[in-house]
Each structure stands twice: as structure tokens, then as C-alpha cells.
């Protein structure tokens, strides 16, 4: 009798062990042998077991459903093979890898992951890993996704039509994402894609997005469709945009638009449905007259404070080299409304040139009388008072050459050619200051 009982117990244990062995893990992943913590939530009270790859199960019980804040279970261990996670009703999963000190790349992160029987996940956070691809097609209930700082160049979200929030950013600006199709994700309200290599984006089918954060990519174009929400935060700083068209936004008064550090040169290229709250436009290529126009599009415009570029706006481009007697035309910058711009020409040492001796000025048109190796103009205007004498708006550098076309005419025809201080050709003057063969001359 005793022998029969022992035999039956052995059989029962074997059945239990076989059942455990045959149980399908809800999630499996491969990762480097570095200690990490994973966090799991269930949609009801239940049990979760984790095998870190050595066949030993770490078991914990959730006494209530994960509600977005409480009742998640933390498991800490070091992978030594395929990590297997068992549990029913998993609705939250988080597993990320810490950066090594001073590192910009992740090492020993998750390299592959499978969601075998965890199709009920609504929140997934697997950022900071080494995934080159990930299959999210089973996660049709997914609403929140954080999967940034991985190694994939594209990602397929076509099956995840319930998504409202996505974060595929990289805080080190080393992300490899080059393309993404969001046309099926019509319920999105927040999109974070910063620090990648995206060149184009299309939000035509995303009318509910309130927060756009796409900093420090390589964007040259962004397409928007109709947008029906309000109080947006739109951040596209640190890209290569020459403009943005938000005319499809229905409610825009509370919007904040950050376009700093792009290549925008015309206010007209920022197309808005009406006046907005604030625009950050510093670090672009907007000259004074365009910035003056831009002021009418927002309650506040920040145009002369930048984090990543040396100058508040790219310098106004002028000729690299002209000859003595020739002109530089800055008349488009000479007046903003009724306020005149103050021009100061300086050499490389910061010494100001002298009007009447080194150049003449006529409504923003400058005629140079003396040769200069490397000079630039500094501009300030009270209408744009963030540009100051200490931090002015500037032009690119100009060289004024001594050898001129005027001198060449003398060599060709054997006679002197004269210009007045406004650069106009004249007959030989009897007295006064003029330019003869490219040189300033004074006759008394």
C-alpha cells in the first residue's frame, strides 16, 4: 500500500513538472548577461513566474490588477540564456537596459523579444536595448509604446491601431530610425521621435495629435493634414526644415511652436491658421525684415537665443569679395516699419570702419572706398531689441580688393577712370574726394 502511494506521488510530481515544462511562456527575450529589472502588470490578480535562463522560476503574485500606477511586479536577475516569462493577462511590460557611465550606445541590451502569448499588452516599454527588429503585430490592444534608443531603422506599427502615445526617441541623438509610417495610427495624441535620422514625416492621417516632439533629426519636410484638437506643443528644432505648413489645424490660439535651429529663411514659409501663443525661431536663417514679419504671427517670438548654434540667426549672406568702388546692398534690412536699422562695419579685429573714409552709406547701400581684408556688418534695430551691440545680427564676411575692374580699364585704354563716393563714374574732378583707378584720392 505504501509503495503504491509513493508511486502515485511520483507520477503526480512528474505530471506537474511536465505541465510546467510544457507551459508556453507569454514573453521570451535574449539579452546580455547584465543584471536588470523587468516590471510586469496583469489585468487581474494573478501569478507571474520568470526564468532568467537557468531553469529556476522566480514567482510573484499580484493581488490586484495593474491600473497604470500600482500593483506591478518587479523581477531582478541576470540573463544566462533565453529569459522566459509566464503569466496570464499581462497588460504592462517594461524592460530596459541602463547606459554604461559616459556611454552613448547601449551594450548587452535585449537583442530579440517575442510576445508569444501576451497579446493583451496595452503598455509596452522596451526602450534602451539593442533591437534591430521587433514584431508588434500581435499587440493589437497596445495604446502606449516606448521603444526608443534601439538599433532598428524602421518599425511596423500598422497592426497597432489603438496607439495613442508613441516614444521612439534617443536622448543621446544616436537613434537609427530613418522612416516610419503612421498612417494606420489615427488615434495618436502624442508622438516623440527625437534624436533619430528621419528625413520626412507624414501626419496626414493623424488628426488628434496634440504633442509633436521631433527634435534633432534630419527632417527636410513634414506634412500635416487636418488637426482637430487644441493647445498643441509642436517641437521640430534641430532639423533641416525650410518651412512648415500648419494651415489644417482648426484650433491654434494656445499652440507653442518650436522651430529653433533649422534652415528657415522666410516668415511666409511658416504657414499658420492664425496668431498663436509663441514661436521659437532662433538658430534659423531669418534676416531682420523676415523676423519683423514673423512677429505678427505670435504673441511672443523668440529669435535671438539658441542652444546649439553659435549665432542667433545665420549671418546674412553677402558677396565674398568685391572691388573698391563697388557696393553692398543691405537696403532690405535698412528699415523695419518706421524704425531705421543701425549698421556698423567692423574688421576681423573688431575695429569699426569709418563712414566717409572707408565707405559711404545711402539707405542701406554701402560703397567701399578702401581695401579691406575681412569685414562684416553688424545690425541692430529697436523693433528687434534682442539683437544688441554685444550680440548683433551680422552679415557674412566680405573682402574689398584693391585690384579692380576700374584699374583694368586703365591698363586697357591707358587712361584714368574716376568714380565719386557713391560709386558713380564721373569726369576728372578738379577737387574733392573721389576714387581714381580703384584708389581714394583727395584734391584740394
Protein backbone atom coordinates (compact mmCIF):
# COMPACT_ATOMS: atom_id res chain seq x y z
CA UNK A 1 0.00 0.00 0.00
CA UNK A 2 2.79 2.40 1.00
CA UNK A 3 4.65 1.54 -2.20
CA UNK A 4 1.58 2.30 -4.28
CA UNK A 5 1.15 5.69 -2.60
CA UNK A 6 4.78 6.62 -3.28
CA UNK A 7 4.40 5.54 -6.88
CA UNK A 8 1.27 7.66 -7.27
CA UNK A 9 3.01 10.67 -5.71
CA UNK A 10 5.95 10.27 -8.06
CA UNK A 11 3.60 10.12 -11.01
CA UNK A 12 1.76 13.22 -9.78
CA UNK A 13 5.03 15.16 -9.37
CA UNK A 14 6.09 14.08 -12.83
CA UNK A 15 2.75 15.28 -14.28
CA UNK A 16 3.15 18.65 -12.55
CA UNK A 17 6.74 19.04 -13.74
CA UNK A 18 5.77 18.04 -17.26
CA UNK A 19 2.91 20.56 -17.23
CA UNK A 20 5.29 23.33 -16.14
CA UNK A 21 7.82 22.29 -18.75
CA UNK A 22 5.16 22.31 -21.45
CA UNK A 23 3.66 25.67 -20.40
CA UNK A 24 4.16 28.27 -23.09
CA UNK A 25 5.90 31.42 -21.87
CA UNK A 26 3.96 34.59 -22.55
CA UNK A 27 7.15 36.52 -23.39
CA UNK A 28 10.69 35.45 -24.18
CA UNK A 29 13.78 37.55 -24.85
CA UNK A 30 17.54 37.35 -25.33
CA UNK A 31 19.85 39.83 -23.60
CA UNK A 32 23.40 40.25 -22.37
CA UNK A 33 24.47 38.83 -19.02
CA UNK A 34 23.97 42.08 -17.12
CA UNK A 35 21.70 42.39 -14.12
CA UNK A 36 18.44 44.13 -14.96
CA UNK A 37 14.95 44.65 -13.60
CA UNK A 38 11.80 43.91 -15.53
CA UNK A 39 8.36 45.10 -14.49
CA UNK A 40 5.11 43.29 -15.27
CA UNK A 41 1.48 44.18 -14.70
CA UNK A 42 -1.62 41.98 -15.03
CA UNK A 43 -5.21 42.84 -15.89
CA UNK A 44 -6.39 40.97 -12.77
CA UNK A 45 -4.95 39.38 -9.65
CA UNK A 46 -2.64 36.52 -10.59
CA UNK A 47 0.80 34.96 -10.63
CA UNK A 48 3.88 35.74 -12.72
CA UNK A 49 6.94 33.50 -12.99
CA UNK A 50 10.29 34.43 -14.54
CA UNK A 51 13.03 32.02 -15.64
CA UNK A 52 16.24 34.02 -16.20
CA UNK A 53 17.62 31.20 -18.36
CA UNK A 54 18.81 28.74 -15.76
CA UNK A 55 15.57 26.78 -15.34
CA UNK A 56 14.76 28.27 -11.92
CA UNK A 57 11.45 30.06 -11.59
CA UNK A 58 11.14 33.32 -9.67
CA UNK A 59 7.46 33.55 -8.76
CA UNK A 60 5.45 36.55 -7.51
CA UNK A 61 1.77 37.20 -7.04
CA UNK A 62 -0.20 40.32 -7.92
CA UNK A 63 -3.06 40.88 -5.52
CA UNK A 64 -4.87 43.25 -7.85
CA UNK A 65 -4.85 44.45 -11.45
CA UNK A 66 -2.20 46.90 -12.65
CA UNK A 67 -4.01 50.21 -13.00
CA UNK A 68 -1.34 52.29 -14.72
CA UNK A 69 0.31 53.26 -11.44
CA UNK A 70 0.11 50.49 -8.85
CA UNK A 71 0.24 46.70 -8.49
CA UNK A 72 3.06 46.00 -10.96
CA UNK A 73 5.60 43.29 -10.10
CA UNK A 74 9.40 43.83 -10.28
CA UNK A 75 11.80 40.98 -11.05
CA UNK A 76 15.58 41.46 -10.86
CA UNK A 77 18.04 38.99 -12.32
CA UNK A 78 20.88 38.34 -14.77
CA UNK A 79 20.08 36.55 -18.04
CA UNK A 80 22.03 33.33 -18.62
CA UNK A 81 20.09 32.17 -21.66
CA UNK A 82 16.63 32.77 -23.04
CA UNK A 83 14.58 34.64 -20.46
CA UNK A 84 11.05 33.20 -20.16
CA UNK A 85 8.10 34.96 -18.56
CA UNK A 86 4.96 33.08 -17.60
CA UNK A 87 1.66 34.61 -16.65
CA UNK A 88 -1.86 35.20 -17.88
CA UNK A 89 -3.37 38.58 -18.59
CA UNK A 90 -0.13 40.58 -18.92
CA UNK A 91 -1.13 44.16 -19.80
CA UNK A 92 2.09 46.01 -18.92
CA UNK A 93 5.69 45.11 -19.64
CA UNK A 94 8.85 47.14 -19.10
CA UNK A 95 12.43 46.02 -19.70
CA UNK A 96 15.18 48.50 -20.46
CA UNK A 97 18.96 48.48 -20.18
CA UNK A 98 20.98 51.13 -18.38
CA UNK A 99 23.70 53.08 -20.18
CA UNK A 100 27.23 52.42 -19.01
CA UNK A 101 28.84 55.52 -17.49
CA UNK A 102 29.57 58.20 -20.14
CA UNK A 103 28.38 55.84 -22.92
CA UNK A 104 26.29 56.97 -25.87
CA UNK A 105 25.43 53.46 -27.04
CA UNK A 106 23.69 50.59 -25.24
CA UNK A 107 25.56 47.31 -24.79
CA UNK A 108 24.16 43.98 -23.53
CA UNK A 109 20.59 45.11 -24.13
CA UNK A 110 17.72 42.95 -25.33
CA UNK A 111 18.60 41.77 -28.83
CA UNK A 112 15.36 39.91 -29.60
CA UNK A 113 11.94 39.59 -27.99
CA UNK A 114 8.80 37.57 -28.72
CA UNK A 115 5.30 38.23 -27.46
CA UNK A 116 4.03 34.67 -27.79
CA UNK A 117 1.00 34.75 -25.53
CA UNK A 118 0.91 38.35 -24.29
CA UNK A 119 -1.45 39.79 -26.84
CA UNK A 120 -3.33 41.80 -24.21
CA UNK A 121 -0.45 44.21 -23.53
CA UNK A 122 -1.67 47.80 -23.59
CA UNK A 123 1.52 49.49 -22.34
CA UNK A 124 4.96 48.41 -23.58
CA UNK A 125 8.29 49.96 -22.61
CA UNK A 126 11.38 48.30 -24.09
CA UNK A 127 13.49 51.40 -24.75
CA UNK A 128 17.30 51.40 -24.40
CA UNK A 129 18.03 47.99 -25.86
CA UNK A 130 19.69 46.52 -28.96
CA UNK A 131 16.68 45.54 -31.04
CA UNK A 132 17.20 45.69 -34.80
CA UNK A 133 13.68 44.43 -35.44
CA UNK A 134 10.57 43.80 -33.38
CA UNK A 135 7.26 42.13 -34.23
CA UNK A 136 4.38 44.01 -32.61
CA UNK A 137 1.68 42.58 -34.87
CA UNK A 138 0.09 40.50 -32.07
CA UNK A 139 -0.24 43.51 -29.76
CA UNK A 140 -3.43 44.90 -31.28
CA UNK A 141 -4.59 46.34 -27.93
CA UNK A 142 -1.42 48.41 -27.48
CA UNK A 143 -2.10 52.05 -26.57
CA UNK A 144 1.26 53.26 -25.21
CA UNK A 145 4.62 52.35 -26.72
CA UNK A 146 8.12 53.41 -25.62
CA UNK A 147 10.69 51.73 -27.83
CA UNK A 148 13.35 54.39 -28.43
CA UNK A 149 17.14 54.03 -28.19
CA UNK A 150 17.24 50.74 -30.06
CA UNK A 151 19.03 49.77 -33.29
CA UNK A 152 16.22 49.47 -35.83
CA UNK A 153 15.97 51.74 -38.87
CA UNK A 154 12.23 51.33 -39.34
CA UNK A 155 9.31 49.84 -37.42
CA UNK A 156 5.95 48.44 -38.46
CA UNK A 157 3.04 49.82 -36.43
CA UNK A 158 0.29 49.06 -38.93
CA UNK A 159 -1.41 46.49 -36.63
CA UNK A 160 -1.33 48.78 -33.59
CA UNK A 161 -4.34 50.90 -34.47
CA UNK A 162 -5.23 51.65 -30.82
CA UNK A 163 -1.98 53.50 -30.16
CA UNK A 164 -2.37 56.93 -28.55
CA UNK A 165 1.21 57.54 -27.39
CA UNK A 166 4.49 56.57 -29.01
CA UNK A 167 8.03 57.37 -27.92
CA UNK A 168 10.77 56.26 -30.30
CA UNK A 169 13.31 58.85 -29.23
CA UNK A 170 17.01 58.74 -28.41
CA UNK A 171 18.30 61.12 -25.74
CA UNK A 172 21.88 60.70 -26.99
CA UNK A 173 20.85 61.67 -30.55
CA UNK A 174 22.29 58.40 -31.85
CA UNK A 175 18.99 56.81 -32.93
CA UNK A 176 18.96 54.92 -36.24
CA UNK A 177 15.29 55.29 -37.19
CA UNK A 178 15.17 56.54 -40.80
CA UNK A 179 11.48 56.04 -41.64
CA UNK A 180 8.12 55.41 -40.01
CA UNK A 181 4.59 55.03 -41.36
CA UNK A 182 1.90 56.34 -39.00
CA UNK A 183 -0.97 56.30 -41.49
CA UNK A 184 -2.82 53.49 -39.63
CA UNK A 185 -2.39 55.06 -36.20
CA UNK A 186 -5.27 57.51 -36.39
CA UNK A 187 -5.81 57.67 -32.60
CA UNK A 188 -2.37 59.07 -31.79
CA UNK A 189 -2.33 62.04 -29.43
CA UNK A 190 1.40 62.22 -28.61
CA UNK A 191 4.41 61.45 -30.83
CA UNK A 192 8.04 61.62 -29.64
CA UNK A 193 10.67 60.79 -32.28
CA UNK A 194 13.67 62.91 -31.26
CA UNK A 195 17.33 62.02 -31.81
CA UNK A 196 16.93 59.87 -34.94
CA UNK A 197 17.72 60.16 -38.67
CA UNK A 198 14.27 60.86 -40.05
CA UNK A 199 14.21 62.98 -43.21
CA UNK A 200 10.45 63.14 -43.88
CA UNK A 201 7.27 62.67 -41.83
CA UNK A 202 3.62 62.47 -42.82
CA UNK A 203 0.88 63.19 -40.27
CA UNK A 204 -1.94 63.44 -42.81
CA UNK A 205 -3.97 60.68 -41.10
CA UNK A 206 -3.33 61.81 -37.51
CA UNK A 207 -5.94 64.47 -36.66
CA UNK A 208 -5.75 64.04 -32.87
CA UNK A 209 -2.07 64.63 -32.15
CA UNK A 210 -1.60 67.33 -29.54
CA UNK A 211 2.11 66.86 -28.82
CA UNK A 212 4.68 66.60 -31.60
CA UNK A 213 8.27 66.22 -30.35
CA UNK A 214 10.68 65.52 -33.21
CA UNK A 215 13.92 67.24 -32.23
CA UNK A 216 17.39 66.69 -33.69
CA UNK A 217 16.64 64.61 -36.77
CA UNK A 218 17.42 65.34 -40.45
CA UNK A 219 13.95 66.48 -41.46
CA UNK A 220 13.57 68.42 -44.69
CA UNK A 221 9.78 68.14 -44.89
CA UNK A 222 6.80 67.43 -42.61
CA UNK A 223 3.26 67.01 -43.95
CA UNK A 224 0.19 67.69 -41.82
CA UNK A 225 -3.47 67.10 -42.53
CA UNK A 226 -6.47 68.38 -40.63
CA UNK A 227 -5.95 68.58 -36.88
CA UNK A 228 -8.98 68.99 -34.62
CA UNK A 229 -7.54 69.29 -31.10
CA UNK A 230 -6.18 72.42 -29.36
CA UNK A 231 -3.34 73.67 -27.16
CA UNK A 232 -0.62 71.92 -29.13
CA UNK A 233 3.05 71.66 -28.33
CA UNK A 234 4.89 71.34 -31.64
CA UNK A 235 8.66 70.83 -31.46
CA UNK A 236 10.76 70.38 -34.60
CA UNK A 237 14.01 72.03 -33.52
CA UNK A 238 17.39 70.81 -34.71
CA UNK A 239 16.35 69.74 -38.21
CA UNK A 240 16.82 70.96 -41.81
CA UNK A 241 13.36 72.42 -42.34
CA UNK A 242 12.95 75.45 -44.61
CA UNK A 243 9.33 75.89 -43.54
CA UNK A 244 6.24 74.31 -42.01
CA UNK A 245 2.57 74.38 -43.04
CA UNK A 246 0.02 74.08 -40.22
CA UNK A 247 -2.93 75.56 -42.09
CA UNK A 248 -5.02 72.42 -41.44
CA UNK A 249 -5.06 73.00 -37.67
CA UNK A 250 -8.55 74.07 -36.63
CA UNK A 251 -7.84 75.49 -33.18
CA UNK A 252 -4.46 77.10 -32.76
CA UNK A 253 -4.53 80.01 -30.30
CA UNK A 254 -2.88 78.13 -27.44
CA UNK A 255 -0.22 76.48 -29.53
CA UNK A 256 3.52 76.64 -28.85
CA UNK A 257 5.71 76.15 -31.91
CA UNK A 258 9.41 75.39 -31.54
CA UNK A 259 11.35 75.63 -34.79
CA UNK A 260 14.75 76.67 -33.48
CA UNK A 261 17.90 75.51 -35.27
CA UNK A 262 16.53 74.83 -38.74
CA UNK A 263 17.12 76.50 -42.15
CA UNK A 264 14.05 78.75 -42.38
CA UNK A 265 14.79 82.00 -44.23
CA UNK A 266 11.30 83.43 -44.88
CA UNK A 267 8.45 84.16 -42.48
CA UNK A 268 5.99 83.25 -45.24
CA UNK A 269 7.29 79.68 -45.10
CA UNK A 270 5.76 79.33 -41.61
CA UNK A 271 2.10 78.91 -42.61
CA UNK A 272 -0.35 79.19 -39.71
CA UNK A 273 -4.16 79.32 -39.49
CA UNK A 274 -3.97 82.34 -37.18
CA UNK A 275 -1.97 84.04 -34.45
CA UNK A 276 -0.52 81.61 -31.92
CA UNK A 277 0.95 81.69 -28.43
CA UNK A 278 4.68 81.50 -29.02
CA UNK A 279 7.19 80.72 -31.74
CA UNK A 280 10.80 79.80 -31.10
CA UNK A 281 12.62 80.67 -34.35
CA UNK A 282 16.19 81.25 -33.23
CA UNK A 283 19.02 79.44 -34.96
CA UNK A 284 17.50 79.78 -38.43
CA UNK A 285 18.39 81.95 -41.45
CA UNK A 286 15.79 84.68 -40.94
CA UNK A 287 17.04 88.22 -41.68
CA UNK A 288 15.76 91.26 -39.84
CA UNK A 289 12.91 92.05 -42.24
CA UNK A 290 11.62 88.46 -42.09
CA UNK A 291 11.81 88.38 -38.30
CA UNK A 292 9.86 91.62 -38.20
CA UNK A 293 7.14 89.98 -40.30
CA UNK A 294 7.21 86.86 -38.12
CA UNK A 295 6.36 88.96 -35.04
CA UNK A 296 2.83 89.36 -36.36
CA UNK A 297 2.21 85.60 -36.24
CA UNK A 298 2.55 85.02 -32.49
CA UNK A 299 2.11 86.76 -29.17
CA UNK A 300 5.79 86.06 -28.46
CA UNK A 301 8.61 85.29 -30.89
CA UNK A 302 12.00 84.09 -29.62
CA UNK A 303 14.54 84.79 -32.34
CA UNK A 304 17.90 85.62 -30.75
CA UNK A 305 18.63 82.89 -28.21
CA UNK A 306 19.85 79.49 -29.30
CA UNK A 307 21.20 76.42 -27.55
CA UNK A 308 23.08 74.55 -30.24
CA UNK A 309 24.24 77.13 -32.79
CA UNK A 310 26.87 79.80 -32.36
CA UNK A 311 24.68 82.63 -33.66
CA UNK A 312 21.07 83.53 -33.04
CA UNK A 313 20.41 83.60 -36.80
CA UNK A 314 22.63 82.52 -39.65
CA UNK A 315 24.59 85.54 -40.94
CA UNK A 316 23.02 87.50 -43.79
CA UNK A 317 24.78 86.33 -46.95
CA UNK A 318 26.63 88.98 -48.96
CA UNK A 319 29.31 88.73 -51.63
CA UNK A 320 32.55 87.12 -50.52
CA UNK A 321 34.59 89.68 -52.40
CA UNK A 322 34.07 92.99 -54.20
CA UNK A 323 36.35 95.69 -55.54
CA UNK A 324 36.99 99.15 -54.16
CA UNK A 325 34.28 101.40 -55.54
CA UNK A 326 31.67 98.64 -55.65
CA UNK A 327 28.63 98.36 -53.40
CA UNK A 328 26.89 96.05 -50.95
CA UNK A 329 23.11 96.39 -50.92
CA UNK A 330 21.50 95.91 -47.49
CA UNK A 331 18.55 98.19 -48.23
CA UNK A 332 16.06 95.39 -47.45
CA UNK A 333 17.30 95.49 -43.85
CA UNK A 334 17.52 99.29 -43.54
CA UNK A 335 14.08 99.88 -42.01
CA UNK A 336 11.62 97.80 -40.03
CA UNK A 337 8.30 99.59 -40.14
CA UNK A 338 9.29 103.18 -39.39
CA UNK A 339 12.40 102.26 -37.40
CA UNK A 340 15.82 102.59 -39.03
CA UNK A 341 18.45 99.91 -38.63
CA UNK A 342 21.86 100.88 -37.24
CA UNK A 343 24.71 99.46 -39.35
CA UNK A 344 28.26 99.12 -38.08
CA UNK A 345 31.01 97.71 -40.31
CA UNK A 346 33.88 96.03 -38.48
CA UNK A 347 37.10 94.28 -39.43
CA UNK A 348 38.31 90.93 -38.10
CA UNK A 349 39.85 92.62 -35.05
CA UNK A 350 36.53 94.20 -34.14
CA UNK A 351 37.55 97.73 -35.08
CA UNK A 352 34.76 99.78 -36.64
CA UNK A 353 35.27 101.21 -40.12
CA UNK A 354 34.77 104.96 -40.57
CA UNK A 355 31.90 106.22 -42.68
CA UNK A 356 33.10 108.79 -45.20
CA UNK A 357 36.63 107.41 -45.10
CA UNK A 358 36.25 103.66 -45.56
CA UNK A 359 32.76 103.65 -47.05
CA UNK A 360 29.71 105.73 -47.84
CA UNK A 361 26.12 104.83 -46.93
CA UNK A 362 22.90 105.59 -48.77
CA UNK A 363 19.73 103.96 -47.35
CA UNK A 364 21.45 100.68 -46.63
CA UNK A 365 23.59 100.65 -49.78
CA UNK A 366 27.29 100.80 -48.95
CA UNK A 367 30.09 101.86 -51.34
CA UNK A 368 33.57 100.90 -50.22
CA UNK A 369 36.44 103.33 -50.64
CA UNK A 370 39.32 101.40 -49.14
CA UNK A 371 40.62 97.87 -49.43
CA UNK A 372 39.66 95.58 -46.55
CA UNK A 373 40.75 92.03 -45.88
CA UNK A 374 37.78 90.68 -43.92
CA UNK A 375 34.88 92.86 -42.76
CA UNK A 376 31.27 92.31 -41.79
CA UNK A 377 28.27 94.44 -40.92
CA UNK A 378 26.57 94.36 -37.53
CA UNK A 379 22.91 95.40 -37.40
CA UNK A 380 20.58 96.42 -34.60
CA UNK A 381 17.03 97.73 -34.68
CA UNK A 382 14.76 98.73 -31.81
CA UNK A 383 11.93 96.66 -33.32
CA UNK A 384 14.01 93.55 -32.61
CA UNK A 385 15.65 94.56 -29.37
CA UNK A 386 17.03 91.11 -28.55
CA UNK A 387 19.78 91.96 -31.03
CA UNK A 388 22.15 94.21 -29.11
CA UNK A 389 25.54 95.80 -29.65
CA UNK A 390 27.04 92.87 -27.77
CA UNK A 391 25.02 90.28 -29.71
CA UNK A 392 24.04 91.89 -33.01
CA UNK A 393 22.65 90.43 -36.19
CA UNK A 394 25.53 90.12 -38.66
CA UNK A 395 26.44 89.55 -42.29
CA UNK A 396 28.90 87.07 -43.67
CA UNK A 397 32.49 88.23 -44.21
CA UNK A 398 33.45 90.45 -47.13
CA UNK A 399 36.82 91.18 -48.73
CA UNK A 400 37.26 94.51 -50.52
CA UNK A 401 40.03 94.10 -53.09
CA UNK A 402 42.41 96.83 -54.24
CA UNK A 403 42.78 95.41 -57.75
CA UNK A 404 39.56 96.30 -59.51
CA UNK A 405 37.88 96.29 -62.82
CA UNK A 406 38.44 100.07 -62.79
CA UNK A 407 42.21 99.54 -62.72
CA UNK A 408 41.91 97.04 -65.52
CA UNK A 409 40.18 99.69 -67.65
CA UNK A 410 43.18 101.97 -67.16
CA UNK A 411 45.56 99.25 -68.30
CA UNK A 412 43.46 98.62 -71.37
CA UNK A 413 42.89 102.14 -72.51
CA UNK A 414 45.85 103.94 -71.00
CA UNK A 415 43.76 106.46 -69.10
CA UNK A 416 42.42 107.03 -65.59
CA UNK A 417 38.80 106.29 -64.66
CA UNK A 418 37.11 108.29 -61.88
CA UNK A 419 34.20 107.45 -59.53
CA UNK A 420 32.51 109.55 -56.87
CA UNK A 421 31.99 108.25 -53.33
CA UNK A 422 28.62 106.79 -54.33
CA UNK A 423 30.32 104.58 -56.89
CA UNK A 424 29.13 106.60 -59.91
CA UNK A 425 31.52 107.16 -62.79
CA UNK A 426 32.42 110.85 -63.28
CA UNK A 427 34.71 113.08 -65.33
CA UNK A 428 38.09 114.05 -63.84
CA UNK A 429 37.26 116.24 -60.84
CA UNK A 430 39.11 119.46 -60.09
CA UNK A 431 38.99 118.98 -56.33
CA UNK A 432 37.40 116.97 -53.56
CA UNK A 433 37.48 113.26 -52.56
CA UNK A 434 37.00 110.66 -55.29
CA UNK A 435 38.18 107.25 -56.48
CA UNK A 436 40.86 107.15 -59.17
CA UNK A 437 41.79 103.75 -60.59
CA UNK A 438 40.47 101.99 -57.50
CA UNK A 439 42.23 104.26 -55.00
CA UNK A 440 40.83 107.04 -52.85
CA UNK A 441 42.23 110.44 -53.85
CA UNK A 442 41.76 113.91 -52.35
CA UNK A 443 42.41 117.04 -54.41
CA UNK A 444 42.38 120.36 -52.61
